[in-house]
Amino acid sequence: METTVGYSEESARGDRTAGLRLYDRCEIALSGPGTFVDAAVRYLWPQARPVSVHASLPMVRLVPDRIPPSLTTDAARRPITLYSSTDGRVPDYNEGVEYRGIPGLDRLVVNPHTGSRILVSGSKVHIVNTDTEAGARDALRVVKQLVTTEFEAAGVVTVHASAFAVADGAVAVAGPPGAGKTSTVLAAVAAGARMIANDKVYASTDAHGTRIRGWTDPIRVIEAPGAPKRTVTLAAYFSEDLSRLAVDPLPLRTVVAVDVGTGSLPVRCEELDSAAGLLSLRREVLPPRVRWLGTEPPAVQRPPLPSAERFLRLTYGYRDAARAMELLLRRLDA
């Protein structure tokens, strides 16, 4: 390893390794400093289940070190897209550089914005960075890449929406950034609903309709209008209480187009034309991920688009969240 990738194995001494099964679908081994592994497992809660570590598991390892510049001197170099963000929401992870022709590696990918060197050899991925925090972000992005592309290979799409569960069905909350999707879901949870997702859902559609489940992105909590957002993992926010979340797939019953104002607004919940509602839902379907690791399965070319049984529009002022939820949940029961 030292002569091939250029960093010392001493940097890996004292590493911990955790075997994880994500979404009952994707198994990986996550390795690196103990603080990183612990934080990553908390980040991936509640969709991560422990499994035994074995040699055939894909490995994602964080290495707090550097590689010598000479490693890429004779390698073929080309710019690549690491993540296709159509609205620029991921400015630090859109473009990168790929190197090929390095002995012992399939490819080496550089994220110039974080400084991470991502070394890919078969199903083993090492993220090398002297900045452990930046490297940890890229390691989690690799995990997301593996999970999401596994879903996409099965015809599942990712939808930019929040969601909560009532009874045996799911309610997706749609709207542009800043519309109040997270605030609405948290208000619904405070009123007794179970949270599905804060920002993105995986949607699987067939002749019987659409079923969704949530990704584990942290919650960005706004304490008051105009205040800075505070990022909290799901594990911390819910004190790892699974009874407050819906982990398994649920049928998508209703889509709520939400508009939360910072001032005082009349609380209104009205039926939305199904054609307009369906358009607003499908507008939030994200494009398939760029296959930059080289180990991902191919995506389904034309996966079925999500649908729902009912569409509503909810408008309220930030301070009237409790009253808005009372009205919304009453309408959902009707």
C-alpha atoms as a PDB file:
ATOM      1  CA  MET A   1       0.000   0.000   0.000  1.00  0.00           C
ATOM      2  CA  GLU A   2       2.786   2.495   0.830  1.00  0.00           C
ATOM      3  CA  THR A   3       4.542   2.141  -2.511  1.00  0.00           C
ATOM      4  CA  THR A   4       1.317   2.052  -4.506  1.00  0.00           C
ATOM      5  CA  VAL A   5      -0.712   4.965  -3.187  1.00  0.00           C
ATOM      6  CA  GLY A   6       1.995   6.902  -1.436  1.00  0.00           C
ATOM      7  CA  TYR A   7       0.707   7.249   2.109  1.00  0.00           C
ATOM      8  CA  SER A   8       1.856   5.326   5.155  1.00  0.00           C
ATOM      9  CA  GLU A   9      -0.179   2.488   6.600  1.00  0.00           C
ATOM     10  CA  GLU A  10       0.772   3.905  10.001  1.00  0.00           C
ATOM     11  CA  SER A  11      -1.946   6.483   9.414  1.00  0.00           C
ATOM     12  CA  ALA A  12      -4.482   3.653   9.480  1.00  0.00           C
ATOM     13  CA  ARG A  13      -3.303   2.150  12.776  1.00  0.00           C
ATOM     14  CA  GLY A  14      -5.973   2.426  15.408  1.00  0.00           C
ATOM     15  CA  ASP A  15      -8.694   2.620  12.750  1.00  0.00           C
ATOM     16  CA  ARG A  16     -12.072   1.118  13.488  1.00  0.00           C
ATOM     17  CA  THR A  17     -14.209  -0.693  10.945  1.00  0.00           C
ATOM     18  CA  ALA A  18     -17.982  -1.061  11.004  1.00  0.00           C
ATOM     19  CA  GLY A  19     -20.010  -3.287   8.690  1.00  0.00           C
ATOM     20  CA  LEU A  20     -23.310  -1.644   7.723  1.00  0.00           C
ATOM     21  CA  ARG A  21     -26.385  -2.664   5.763  1.00  0.00           C
ATOM     22  CA  LEU A  22     -28.158   0.424   4.420  1.00  0.00           C
ATOM     23  CA  TYR A  23     -31.827   0.411   3.447  1.00  0.00           C
ATOM     24  CA  ASP A  24     -31.829  -3.396   3.545  1.00  0.00           C
ATOM     25  CA  ARG A  25     -30.107  -3.186   0.177  1.00  0.00           C
ATOM     26  CA  CYS A  26     -26.489  -1.981   0.195  1.00  0.00           C
ATOM     27  CA  GLU A  27     -23.755  -3.432   2.432  1.00  0.00           C
ATOM     28  CA  ILE A  28     -20.457  -1.630   3.029  1.00  0.00           C
ATOM     29  CA  ALA A  29     -17.563  -1.558   5.456  1.00  0.00           C
ATOM     30  CA  LEU A  30     -16.834   1.896   6.839  1.00  0.00           C
ATOM     31  CA  SER A  31     -13.322   2.418   8.219  1.00  0.00           C
ATOM     32  CA  GLY A  32     -11.176   5.201   9.645  1.00  0.00           C
ATOM     33  CA  PRO A  33     -10.526   6.995  12.927  1.00  0.00           C
ATOM     34  CA  GLY A  34     -12.971   5.923  15.623  1.00  0.00           C
ATOM     35  CA  THR A  35     -14.468   9.412  15.914  1.00  0.00           C
ATOM     36  CA  PHE A  36     -15.241   9.412  12.188  1.00  0.00           C
ATOM     37  CA  VAL A  37     -16.812   5.931  12.224  1.00  0.00           C
ATOM     38  CA  ASP A  38     -18.984   6.787  15.228  1.00  0.00           C
ATOM     39  CA  ALA A  39     -20.104  10.086  13.683  1.00  0.00           C
ATOM     40  CA  ALA A  40     -20.824   8.410  10.327  1.00  0.00           C
ATOM     41  CA  VAL A  41     -22.954   5.691  11.920  1.00  0.00           C
ATOM     42  CA  ARG A  42     -24.953   8.373  13.757  1.00  0.00           C
ATOM     43  CA  TYR A  43     -25.303  10.329  10.511  1.00  0.00           C
ATOM     44  CA  LEU A  44     -26.662   7.247   8.714  1.00  0.00           C
ATOM     45  CA  TRP A  45     -29.178   6.420  11.451  1.00  0.00           C
ATOM     46  CA  PRO A  46     -31.858   5.071  11.233  1.00  0.00           C
ATOM     47  CA  GLN A  47     -31.198   3.372   7.884  1.00  0.00           C
ATOM     48  CA  ALA A  48     -27.968   1.626   8.956  1.00  0.00           C
ATOM     49  CA  ARG A  49     -27.960  -1.857  10.482  1.00  0.00           C
ATOM     50  CA  PRO A  50     -24.776  -3.573  11.734  1.00  0.00           C
ATOM     51  CA  VAL A  51     -23.447  -6.548   9.757  1.00  0.00           C
ATOM     52  CA  SER A  52     -20.315  -8.640  10.056  1.00  0.00           C
ATOM     53  CA  VAL A  53     -17.253  -7.317   8.266  1.00  0.00           C
ATOM     54  CA  HIS A  54     -15.847  -9.646   5.605  1.00  0.00           C
ATOM     55  CA  ALA A  55     -13.384  -9.324   2.746  1.00  0.00           C
ATOM     56  CA  SER A  56     -16.001  -9.092   0.002  1.00  0.00           C
ATOM     57  CA  LEU A  57     -17.704  -6.007   1.470  1.00  0.00           C
ATOM     58  CA  PRO A  58     -17.102  -2.767  -0.450  1.00  0.00           C
ATOM     59  CA  MET A  59     -14.806  -0.654   1.733  1.00  0.00           C
ATOM     60  CA  VAL A  60     -15.001   3.113   2.281  1.00  0.00           C
ATOM     61  CA  ARG A  61     -11.999   4.221   4.349  1.00  0.00           C
ATOM     62  CA  LEU A  62     -11.050   7.695   5.562  1.00  0.00           C
ATOM     63  CA  VAL A  63      -7.279   8.208   5.792  1.00  0.00           C
ATOM     64  CA  PRO A  64      -6.105  11.446   7.505  1.00  0.00           C
ATOM     65  CA  ASP A  65      -2.925  11.797   5.450  1.00  0.00           C
ATOM     66  CA  ARG A  66      -1.638  13.049   2.106  1.00  0.00           C
ATOM     67  CA  ILE A  67      -0.291  11.499  -1.065  1.00  0.00           C
ATOM     68  CA  PRO A  68       2.842  12.772  -2.827  1.00  0.00           C
ATOM     69  CA  PRO A  69       2.286  14.915  -5.937  1.00  0.00           C
ATOM     70  CA  SER A  70       4.619  12.601  -7.833  1.00  0.00           C
ATOM     71  CA  LEU A  71       1.950   9.881  -7.746  1.00  0.00           C
ATOM     72  CA  THR A  72       0.015  11.587 -10.537  1.00  0.00           C
ATOM     73  CA  THR A  73       2.983  12.875 -12.577  1.00  0.00           C
ATOM     74  CA  ASP A  74       2.696  10.306 -15.364  1.00  0.00           C
ATOM     75  CA  ALA A  75      -1.034   9.618 -15.043  1.00  0.00           C
ATOM     76  CA  ALA A  76      -3.627  10.527 -17.674  1.00  0.00           C
ATOM     77  CA  ARG A  77      -5.737  13.427 -16.408  1.00  0.00           C
ATOM     78  CA  ARG A  78      -9.225  14.616 -17.318  1.00  0.00           C
ATOM     79  CA  PRO A  79     -11.906  16.858 -15.738  1.00  0.00           C
ATOM     80  CA  ILE A  80     -15.043  15.060 -14.579  1.00  0.00           C
ATOM     81  CA  THR A  81     -18.394  15.912 -13.031  1.00  0.00           C
ATOM     82  CA  LEU A  82     -18.769  14.446  -9.564  1.00  0.00           C
ATOM     83  CA  TYR A  83     -22.341  15.504  -8.891  1.00  0.00           C
ATOM     84  CA  SER A  84     -24.877  17.015 -11.263  1.00  0.00           C
ATOM     85  CA  SER A  85     -26.591  19.752  -9.263  1.00  0.00           C
ATOM     86  CA  THR A  86     -29.010  21.511 -11.592  1.00  0.00           C
ATOM     87  CA  ASP A  87     -29.595  24.445  -9.235  1.00  0.00           C
ATOM     88  CA  GLY A  88     -26.091  24.824  -7.780  1.00  0.00           C
ATOM     89  CA  ARG A  89     -27.069  23.543  -4.340  1.00  0.00           C
ATOM     90  CA  VAL A  90     -23.809  21.583  -4.078  1.00  0.00           C
ATOM     91  CA  PRO A  91     -21.200  24.143  -5.193  1.00  0.00           C
ATOM     92  CA  ASP A  92     -18.249  22.370  -3.564  1.00  0.00           C
ATOM     93  CA  TYR A  93     -18.779  19.018  -5.226  1.00  0.00           C
ATOM     94  CA  ASN A  94     -19.705  19.565  -8.863  1.00  0.00           C
ATOM     95  CA  GLU A  95     -16.383  19.337 -10.658  1.00  0.00           C
ATOM     96  CA  GLY A  96     -13.303  17.209 -10.072  1.00  0.00           C
ATOM     97  CA  VAL A  97     -10.286  15.685 -11.768  1.00  0.00           C
ATOM     98  CA  GLU A  98      -9.738  12.009 -12.558  1.00  0.00           C
ATOM     99  CA  TYR A  99      -6.308  10.380 -12.966  1.00  0.00           C
ATOM    100  CA  ARG A 100      -5.769   6.971 -14.575  1.00  0.00           C
ATOM    101  CA  GLY A 101      -2.712   4.850 -15.155  1.00  0.00           C
ATOM    102  CA  ILE A 102      -1.492   4.787 -11.552  1.00  0.00           C
ATOM    103  CA  PRO A 103      -0.113   1.326 -10.650  1.00  0.00           C
ATOM    104  CA  GLY A 104      -2.398  -0.508  -8.233  1.00  0.00           C
ATOM    105  CA  LEU A 105      -5.358   1.850  -8.730  1.00  0.00           C
ATOM    106  CA  ASP A 106      -8.299   1.879 -11.095  1.00  0.00           C
ATOM    107  CA  ARG A 107      -8.523   5.662 -10.775  1.00  0.00           C
ATOM    108  CA  LEU A 108      -7.691   8.544  -8.471  1.00  0.00           C
ATOM    109  CA  VAL A 109     -10.280  11.314  -8.201  1.00  0.00           C
ATOM    110  CA  VAL A 110      -9.466  14.730  -6.769  1.00  0.00           C
ATOM    111  CA  ASN A 111     -12.075  17.034  -5.281  1.00  0.00           C
ATOM    112  CA  PRO A 112     -10.225  20.356  -5.635  1.00  0.00           C
ATOM    113  CA  HIS A 113     -12.684  22.164  -3.372  1.00  0.00           C
ATOM    114  CA  THR A 114     -12.137  19.950  -0.331  1.00  0.00           C
ATOM    115  CA  GLY A 115      -8.625  18.677  -1.078  1.00  0.00           C
ATOM    116  CA  SER A 116      -9.686  15.032  -0.884  1.00  0.00           C
ATOM    117  CA  ARG A 117      -7.897  12.396  -2.941  1.00  0.00           C
ATOM    118  CA  ILE A 118     -10.325   9.550  -3.608  1.00  0.00           C
ATOM    119  CA  LEU A 119      -8.487   6.347  -4.516  1.00  0.00           C
ATOM    120  CA  VAL A 120     -10.539   3.598  -6.155  1.00  0.00           C
ATOM    121  CA  SER A 121      -9.309   0.039  -6.491  1.00  0.00           C
ATOM    122  CA  GLY A 122     -12.030  -2.491  -7.237  1.00  0.00           C
ATOM    123  CA  SER A 123     -14.666  -2.071  -4.545  1.00  0.00           C
ATOM    124  CA  LYS A 124     -12.230  -0.406  -2.138  1.00  0.00           C
ATOM    125  CA  VAL A 125     -12.383   3.383  -1.857  1.00  0.00           C
ATOM    126  CA  HIS A 126      -9.873   5.362   0.227  1.00  0.00           C
ATOM    127  CA  ILE A 127     -10.509   9.044   0.922  1.00  0.00           C
ATOM    128  CA  VAL A 128      -7.176  10.666   1.763  1.00  0.00           C
ATOM    129  CA  ASN A 129      -7.162  14.149   3.278  1.00  0.00           C
ATOM    130  CA  THR A 130      -5.171  15.863   6.041  1.00  0.00           C
ATOM    131  CA  ASP A 131      -8.367  17.795   6.843  1.00  0.00           C
ATOM    132  CA  THR A 132     -10.354  15.060   8.580  1.00  0.00           C
ATOM    133  CA  GLU A 133     -13.606  17.021   8.561  1.00  0.00           C
ATOM    134  CA  ALA A 134     -13.460  17.664   4.815  1.00  0.00           C
ATOM    135  CA  GLY A 135     -12.417  14.064   4.182  1.00  0.00           C
ATOM    136  CA  ALA A 136     -15.310  12.798   6.306  1.00  0.00           C
ATOM    137  CA  ARG A 137     -17.779  14.794   4.188  1.00  0.00           C
ATOM    138  CA  ASP A 138     -16.388  13.213   1.039  1.00  0.00           C
ATOM    139  CA  ALA A 139     -16.463   9.738   2.613  1.00  0.00           C
ATOM    140  CA  LEU A 140     -20.177  10.168   3.368  1.00  0.00           C
ATOM    141  CA  ARG A 141     -20.709  11.409  -0.177  1.00  0.00           C
ATOM    142  CA  VAL A 142     -19.139   8.193  -1.437  1.00  0.00           C
ATOM    143  CA  VAL A 143     -21.580   6.222   0.732  1.00  0.00           C
ATOM    144  CA  LYS A 144     -24.491   8.236  -0.694  1.00  0.00           C
ATOM    145  CA  GLN A 145     -23.138   7.573  -4.181  1.00  0.00           C
ATOM    146  CA  LEU A 146     -23.104   3.814  -3.583  1.00  0.00           C
ATOM    147  CA  VAL A 147     -26.598   3.724  -2.040  1.00  0.00           C
ATOM    148  CA  THR A 148     -28.286   6.043  -4.530  1.00  0.00           C
ATOM    149  CA  THR A 149     -26.825   4.361  -7.616  1.00  0.00           C
ATOM    150  CA  GLU A 150     -27.896   0.983  -6.211  1.00  0.00           C
ATOM    151  CA  PHE A 151     -31.443   2.344  -5.981  1.00  0.00           C
ATOM    152  CA  GLU A 152     -31.269   3.885  -9.449  1.00  0.00           C
ATOM    153  CA  ALA A 153     -30.228   0.533 -10.897  1.00  0.00           C
ATOM    154  CA  ALA A 154     -33.522  -0.832  -9.541  1.00  0.00           C
ATOM    155  CA  GLY A 155     -35.608   1.935 -11.154  1.00  0.00           C
ATOM    156  CA  VAL A 156     -35.931   4.107  -8.037  1.00  0.00           C
ATOM    157  CA  VAL A 157     -35.735   7.910  -8.372  1.00  0.00           C
ATOM    158  CA  THR A 158     -34.630  10.516  -5.856  1.00  0.00           C
ATOM    159  CA  VAL A 159     -37.097  13.336  -5.189  1.00  0.00           C
ATOM    160  CA  HIS A 160     -36.165  16.648  -3.578  1.00  0.00           C
ATOM    161  CA  ALA A 161     -38.956  16.721  -0.998  1.00  0.00           C
ATOM    162  CA  SER A 162     -39.551  16.356   2.709  1.00  0.00           C
ATOM    163  CA  ALA A 163     -42.058  13.808   3.988  1.00  0.00           C
ATOM    164  CA  PHE A 164     -43.949  12.534   7.010  1.00  0.00           C
ATOM    165  CA  ALA A 165     -46.225   9.575   7.725  1.00  0.00           C
ATOM    166  CA  VAL A 166     -49.782   9.512   8.997  1.00  0.00           C
ATOM    167  CA  ALA A 167     -51.661   6.248   9.510  1.00  0.00           C
ATOM    168  CA  ASP A 168     -50.367   3.842   6.845  1.00  0.00           C
ATOM    169  CA  GLY A 169     -49.466   6.434   4.210  1.00  0.00           C
ATOM    170  CA  ALA A 170     -46.875   9.052   3.342  1.00  0.00           C
ATOM    171  CA  VAL A 171     -47.281  12.770   2.780  1.00  0.00           C
ATOM    172  CA  ALA A 172     -44.598  14.463   0.666  1.00  0.00           C
ATOM    173  CA  VAL A 173     -43.990  18.183   1.179  1.00  0.00           C
ATOM    174  CA  ALA A 174     -42.774  19.905  -1.989  1.00  0.00           C
ATOM    175  CA  GLY A 175     -41.574  23.406  -2.752  1.00  0.00           C
ATOM    176  CA  PRO A 176     -38.511  25.389  -3.788  1.00  0.00           C
ATOM    177  CA  PRO A 177     -35.592  25.950  -1.382  1.00  0.00           C
ATOM    178  CA  GLY A 178     -36.739  28.167   1.476  1.00  0.00           C
ATOM    179  CA  ALA A 179     -40.437  27.368   1.018  1.00  0.00           C
ATOM    180  CA  GLY A 180     -40.622  25.755   4.470  1.00  0.00           C
ATOM    181  CA  LYS A 181     -40.532  22.030   3.741  1.00  0.00           C
ATOM    182  CA  THR A 182     -38.466  21.109   6.811  1.00  0.00           C
ATOM    183  CA  SER A 183     -40.434  23.459   9.079  1.00  0.00           C
ATOM    184  CA  THR A 184     -43.670  21.868   7.899  1.00  0.00           C
ATOM    185  CA  VAL A 185     -42.469  18.311   8.484  1.00  0.00           C
ATOM    186  CA  LEU A 186     -41.149  19.138  11.961  1.00  0.00           C
ATOM    187  CA  ALA A 187     -44.447  20.812  12.821  1.00  0.00           C
ATOM    188  CA  ALA A 188     -46.291  17.689  11.634  1.00  0.00           C
ATOM    189  CA  VAL A 189     -44.020  15.513  13.803  1.00  0.00           C
ATOM    190  CA  ALA A 190     -44.694  17.785  16.790  1.00  0.00           C
ATOM    191  CA  ALA A 191     -48.408  17.200  16.135  1.00  0.00           C
ATOM    192  CA  GLY A 192     -47.970  13.404  16.250  1.00  0.00           C
ATOM    193  CA  ALA A 193     -46.910  12.386  12.746  1.00  0.00           C
ATOM    194  CA  ARG A 194     -43.757  10.334  12.078  1.00  0.00           C
ATOM    195  CA  MET A 195     -40.918  11.784  10.069  1.00  0.00           C
ATOM    196  CA  ILE A 196     -39.846  10.137   6.816  1.00  0.00           C
ATOM    197  CA  ALA A 197     -37.322  12.607   5.431  1.00  0.00           C
ATOM    198  CA  ASN A 198     -36.025  16.108   5.826  1.00  0.00           C
ATOM    199  CA  ASP A 199     -34.847  16.867   2.302  1.00  0.00           C
ATOM    200  CA  LYS A 200     -34.881  13.896  -0.093  1.00  0.00           C
ATOM    201  CA  VAL A 201     -36.909  10.734  -0.598  1.00  0.00           C
ATOM    202  CA  TYR A 202     -36.383   7.610  -2.679  1.00  0.00           C
ATOM    203  CA  ALA A 203     -39.494   6.910  -4.758  1.00  0.00           C
ATOM    204  CA  SER A 204     -40.350   3.544  -6.322  1.00  0.00           C
ATOM    205  CA  THR A 205     -43.325   3.478  -8.706  1.00  0.00           C
ATOM    206  CA  ASP A 206     -45.241   0.609 -10.301  1.00  0.00           C
ATOM    207  CA  ALA A 207     -48.798  -0.173 -11.388  1.00  0.00           C
ATOM    208  CA  HIS A 208     -49.934   0.006  -7.749  1.00  0.00           C
ATOM    209  CA  GLY A 209     -48.601   3.544  -7.178  1.00  0.00           C
ATOM    210  CA  THR A 210     -45.548   5.109  -5.567  1.00  0.00           C
ATOM    211  CA  ARG A 211     -43.852   4.089  -2.342  1.00  0.00           C
ATOM    212  CA  ILE A 212     -41.267   6.321  -0.675  1.00  0.00           C
ATOM    213  CA  ARG A 213     -38.636   6.156   2.032  1.00  0.00           C
ATOM    214  CA  GLY A 214     -36.308   8.827   3.345  1.00  0.00           C
ATOM    215  CA  TRP A 215     -32.608   9.559   3.203  1.00  0.00           C
ATOM    216  CA  THR A 216     -30.737  10.336   6.417  1.00  0.00           C
ATOM    217  CA  ASP A 217     -29.645  13.943   5.774  1.00  0.00           C
ATOM    218  CA  PRO A 218     -29.339  16.028   8.956  1.00  0.00           C
ATOM    219  CA  ILE A 219     -32.082  18.502   9.794  1.00  0.00           C
ATOM    220  CA  ARG A 220     -31.356  22.180   9.292  1.00  0.00           C
ATOM    221  CA  VAL A 221     -33.328  23.757  12.112  1.00  0.00           C
ATOM    222  CA  ILE A 222     -34.327  27.432  12.037  1.00  0.00           C
ATOM    223  CA  GLU A 223     -34.982  28.671  15.580  1.00  0.00           C
ATOM    224  CA  ALA A 224     -36.640  31.894  14.379  1.00  0.00           C
ATOM    225  CA  PRO A 225     -37.210  33.794  11.119  1.00  0.00           C
ATOM    226  CA  GLY A 226     -33.924  35.295   9.950  1.00  0.00           C
ATOM    227  CA  ALA A 227     -31.830  33.254  12.392  1.00  0.00           C
ATOM    228  CA  PRO A 228     -28.991  31.078  11.055  1.00  0.00           C
ATOM    229  CA  LYS A 229     -29.756  27.412  10.447  1.00  0.00           C
ATOM    230  CA  ARG A 230     -28.477  24.850  12.932  1.00  0.00           C
ATOM    231  CA  THR A 231     -27.615  21.399  11.566  1.00  0.00           C
ATOM    232  CA  VAL A 232     -28.659  18.434  13.703  1.00  0.00           C
ATOM    233  CA  THR A 233     -28.456  14.736  12.813  1.00  0.00           C
ATOM    234  CA  LEU A 234     -31.668  12.713  12.914  1.00  0.00           C
ATOM    235  CA  ALA A 235     -30.126  10.588  15.677  1.00  0.00           C
ATOM    236  CA  ALA A 236     -29.554  13.642  17.869  1.00  0.00           C
ATOM    237  CA  TYR A 237     -32.840  15.364  17.061  1.00  0.00           C
ATOM    238  CA  PHE A 238     -34.938  12.294  17.841  1.00  0.00           C
ATOM    239  CA  SER A 239     -32.646  10.901  20.580  1.00  0.00           C
ATOM    240  CA  GLU A 240     -32.506   7.681  18.487  1.00  0.00           C
ATOM    241  CA  ASP A 241     -36.204   7.075  19.204  1.00  0.00           C
ATOM    242  CA  LEU A 242     -37.345   4.995  16.216  1.00  0.00           C
ATOM    243  CA  SER A 243     -41.005   5.359  17.159  1.00  0.00           C
ATOM    244  CA  ARG A 244     -40.906   8.956  15.872  1.00  0.00           C
ATOM    245  CA  LEU A 245     -39.769   7.990  12.370  1.00  0.00           C
ATOM    246  CA  ALA A 246     -41.103   5.872   9.527  1.00  0.00           C
ATOM    247  CA  VAL A 247     -38.178   3.792   8.290  1.00  0.00           C
ATOM    248  CA  ASP A 248     -39.817   1.308   5.905  1.00  0.00           C
ATOM    249  CA  PRO A 249     -41.324   2.250   2.502  1.00  0.00           C
ATOM    250  CA  LEU A 250     -44.847   3.687   2.610  1.00  0.00           C
ATOM    251  CA  PRO A 251     -47.383   4.409  -0.161  1.00  0.00           C
ATOM    252  CA  LEU A 252     -47.376   8.047  -1.203  1.00  0.00           C
ATOM    253  CA  ARG A 253     -50.921   9.252  -0.548  1.00  0.00           C
ATOM    254  CA  THR A 254     -50.675  13.039  -0.667  1.00  0.00           C
ATOM    255  CA  VAL A 255     -48.368  15.762  -1.930  1.00  0.00           C
ATOM    256  CA  VAL A 256     -48.518  19.131  -0.187  1.00  0.00           C
ATOM    257  CA  ALA A 257     -47.166  22.194  -2.001  1.00  0.00           C
ATOM    258  CA  VAL A 258     -46.107  24.437   0.866  1.00  0.00           C
ATOM    259  CA  ASP A 259     -45.412  28.160   1.233  1.00  0.00           C
ATOM    260  CA  VAL A 260     -44.379  29.306   4.694  1.00  0.00           C
ATOM    261  CA  GLY A 261     -44.076  33.057   5.200  1.00  0.00           C
ATOM    262  CA  THR A 262     -41.885  34.797   7.770  1.00  0.00           C
ATOM    263  CA  GLY A 263     -44.669  37.233   8.603  1.00  0.00           C
ATOM    264  CA  SER A 264     -48.337  36.802   9.414  1.00  0.00           C
ATOM    265  CA  LEU A 265     -50.334  35.014   6.723  1.00  0.00           C
ATOM    266  CA  PRO A 266     -53.824  33.525   6.689  1.00  0.00           C
ATOM    267  CA  VAL A 267     -53.648  29.776   7.294  1.00  0.00           C
ATOM    268  CA  ARG A 268     -55.029  28.130   4.173  1.00  0.00           C
ATOM    269  CA  CYS A 269     -55.197  24.503   3.045  1.00  0.00           C
ATOM    270  CA  GLU A 270     -56.923  23.850  -0.255  1.00  0.00           C
ATOM    271  CA  GLU A 271     -57.174  21.134  -2.868  1.00  0.00           C
ATOM    272  CA  LEU A 272     -54.713  21.523  -5.720  1.00  0.00           C
ATOM    273  CA  ASP A 273     -55.484  20.612  -9.292  1.00  0.00           C
ATOM    274  CA  SER A 274     -54.075  17.123  -9.789  1.00  0.00           C
ATOM    275  CA  ALA A 275     -52.309  18.011 -13.058  1.00  0.00           C
ATOM    276  CA  ALA A 276     -50.567  21.010 -11.457  1.00  0.00           C
ATOM    277  CA  GLY A 277     -49.779  18.973  -8.352  1.00  0.00           C
ATOM    278  CA  LEU A 278     -48.312  16.106 -10.338  1.00  0.00           C
ATOM    279  CA  LEU A 279     -46.176  18.548 -12.297  1.00  0.00           C
ATOM    280  CA  SER A 280     -44.854  20.120  -9.077  1.00  0.00           C
ATOM    281  CA  LEU A 281     -43.961  16.660  -7.749  1.00  0.00           C
ATOM    282  CA  ARG A 282     -42.204  15.443 -10.897  1.00  0.00           C
ATOM    283  CA  ARG A 283     -40.326  18.730 -11.220  1.00  0.00           C
ATOM    284  CA  GLU A 284     -38.485  17.744  -8.045  1.00  0.00           C
ATOM    285  CA  VAL A 285     -37.197  14.416  -9.438  1.00  0.00           C
ATOM    286  CA  LEU A 286     -33.401  14.686  -9.433  1.00  0.00           C
ATOM    287  CA  PRO A 287     -31.307  13.535 -12.398  1.00  0.00           C
ATOM    288  CA  PRO A 288     -29.476  10.196 -12.079  1.00  0.00           C
ATOM    289  CA  ARG A 289     -26.120  10.455 -10.352  1.00  0.00           C
ATOM    290  CA  VAL A 290     -22.991  10.710 -12.411  1.00  0.00           C
ATOM    291  CA  ARG A 291     -21.180   7.335 -12.276  1.00  0.00           C
ATOM    292  CA  TRP A 292     -17.749   8.736 -11.366  1.00  0.00           C
ATOM    293  CA  LEU A 293     -16.556   5.995  -8.998  1.00  0.00           C
ATOM    294  CA  GLY A 294     -16.574   3.439 -11.786  1.00  0.00           C
ATOM    295  CA  THR A 295     -18.029   0.695  -9.576  1.00  0.00           C
ATOM    296  CA  GLU A 296     -21.679   1.769  -9.781  1.00  0.00           C
ATOM    297  CA  PRO A 297     -24.306  -0.300 -11.627  1.00  0.00           C
ATOM    298  CA  PRO A 298     -25.935   1.437 -14.625  1.00  0.00           C
ATOM    299  CA  ALA A 299     -29.129   3.382 -13.997  1.00  0.00           C
ATOM    300  CA  VAL A 300     -32.474   2.452 -15.511  1.00  0.00           C
ATOM    301  CA  GLN A 301     -32.882   4.659 -18.585  1.00  0.00           C
ATOM    302  CA  ARG A 302     -36.526   5.681 -18.071  1.00  0.00           C
ATOM    303  CA  PRO A 303     -37.657   4.854 -14.546  1.00  0.00           C
ATOM    304  CA  PRO A 304     -41.358   5.330 -13.737  1.00  0.00           C
ATOM    305  CA  LEU A 305     -42.085   8.821 -12.387  1.00  0.00           C
ATOM    306  CA  PRO A 306     -43.746   9.224  -8.972  1.00  0.00           C
ATOM    307  CA  SER A 307     -47.436   9.823  -8.575  1.00  0.00           C
ATOM    308  CA  ALA A 308     -49.859  10.467  -5.708  1.00  0.00           C
ATOM    309  CA  GLU A 309     -53.544  10.144  -4.970  1.00  0.00           C
ATOM    310  CA  ARG A 310     -54.156  13.696  -3.775  1.00  0.00           C
ATOM    311  CA  PHE A 311     -52.597  17.174  -3.943  1.00  0.00           C
ATOM    312  CA  LEU A 312     -52.988  20.067  -1.512  1.00  0.00           C
ATOM    313  CA  ARG A 313     -51.614  23.591  -1.171  1.00  0.00           C
ATOM    314  CA  LEU A 314     -50.743  24.790   2.343  1.00  0.00           C
ATOM    315  CA  THR A 315     -49.950  28.429   3.151  1.00  0.00           C
ATOM    316  CA  TYR A 316     -49.202  29.797   6.604  1.00  0.00           C
ATOM    317  CA  GLY A 317     -46.986  32.153   8.584  1.00  0.00           C
ATOM    318  CA  TYR A 318     -44.006  30.767  10.481  1.00  0.00           C
ATOM    319  CA  ARG A 319     -45.569  31.418  13.897  1.00  0.00           C
ATOM    320  CA  ASP A 320     -48.824  29.673  12.947  1.00  0.00           C
ATOM    321  CA  ALA A 321     -47.271  26.248  12.323  1.00  0.00           C
ATOM    322  CA  ALA A 322     -49.298  24.466  15.028  1.00  0.00           C
ATOM    323  CA  ARG A 323     -52.595  25.824  13.702  1.00  0.00           C
ATOM    324  CA  ALA A 324     -51.576  24.992  10.124  1.00  0.00           C
ATOM    325  CA  MET A 325     -50.801  21.401  11.131  1.00  0.00           C
ATOM    326  CA  GLU A 326     -54.117  21.052  12.884  1.00  0.00           C
ATOM    327  CA  LEU A 327     -55.870  22.146   9.687  1.00  0.00           C
ATOM    328  CA  LEU A 328     -53.675  19.986   7.432  1.00  0.00           C
ATOM    329  CA  LEU A 329     -54.039  16.817   9.493  1.00  0.00           C
ATOM    330  CA  ARG A 330     -57.802  17.347   9.639  1.00  0.00           C
ATOM    331  CA  ARG A 331     -57.899  17.638   5.851  1.00  0.00           C
ATOM    332  CA  LEU A 332     -55.778  14.510   5.464  1.00  0.00           C
ATOM    333  CA  ASP A 333     -58.288  12.619   7.628  1.00  0.00           C
ATOM    334  CA  ALA A 334     -61.219  13.798   5.529  1.00  0.00           C
END
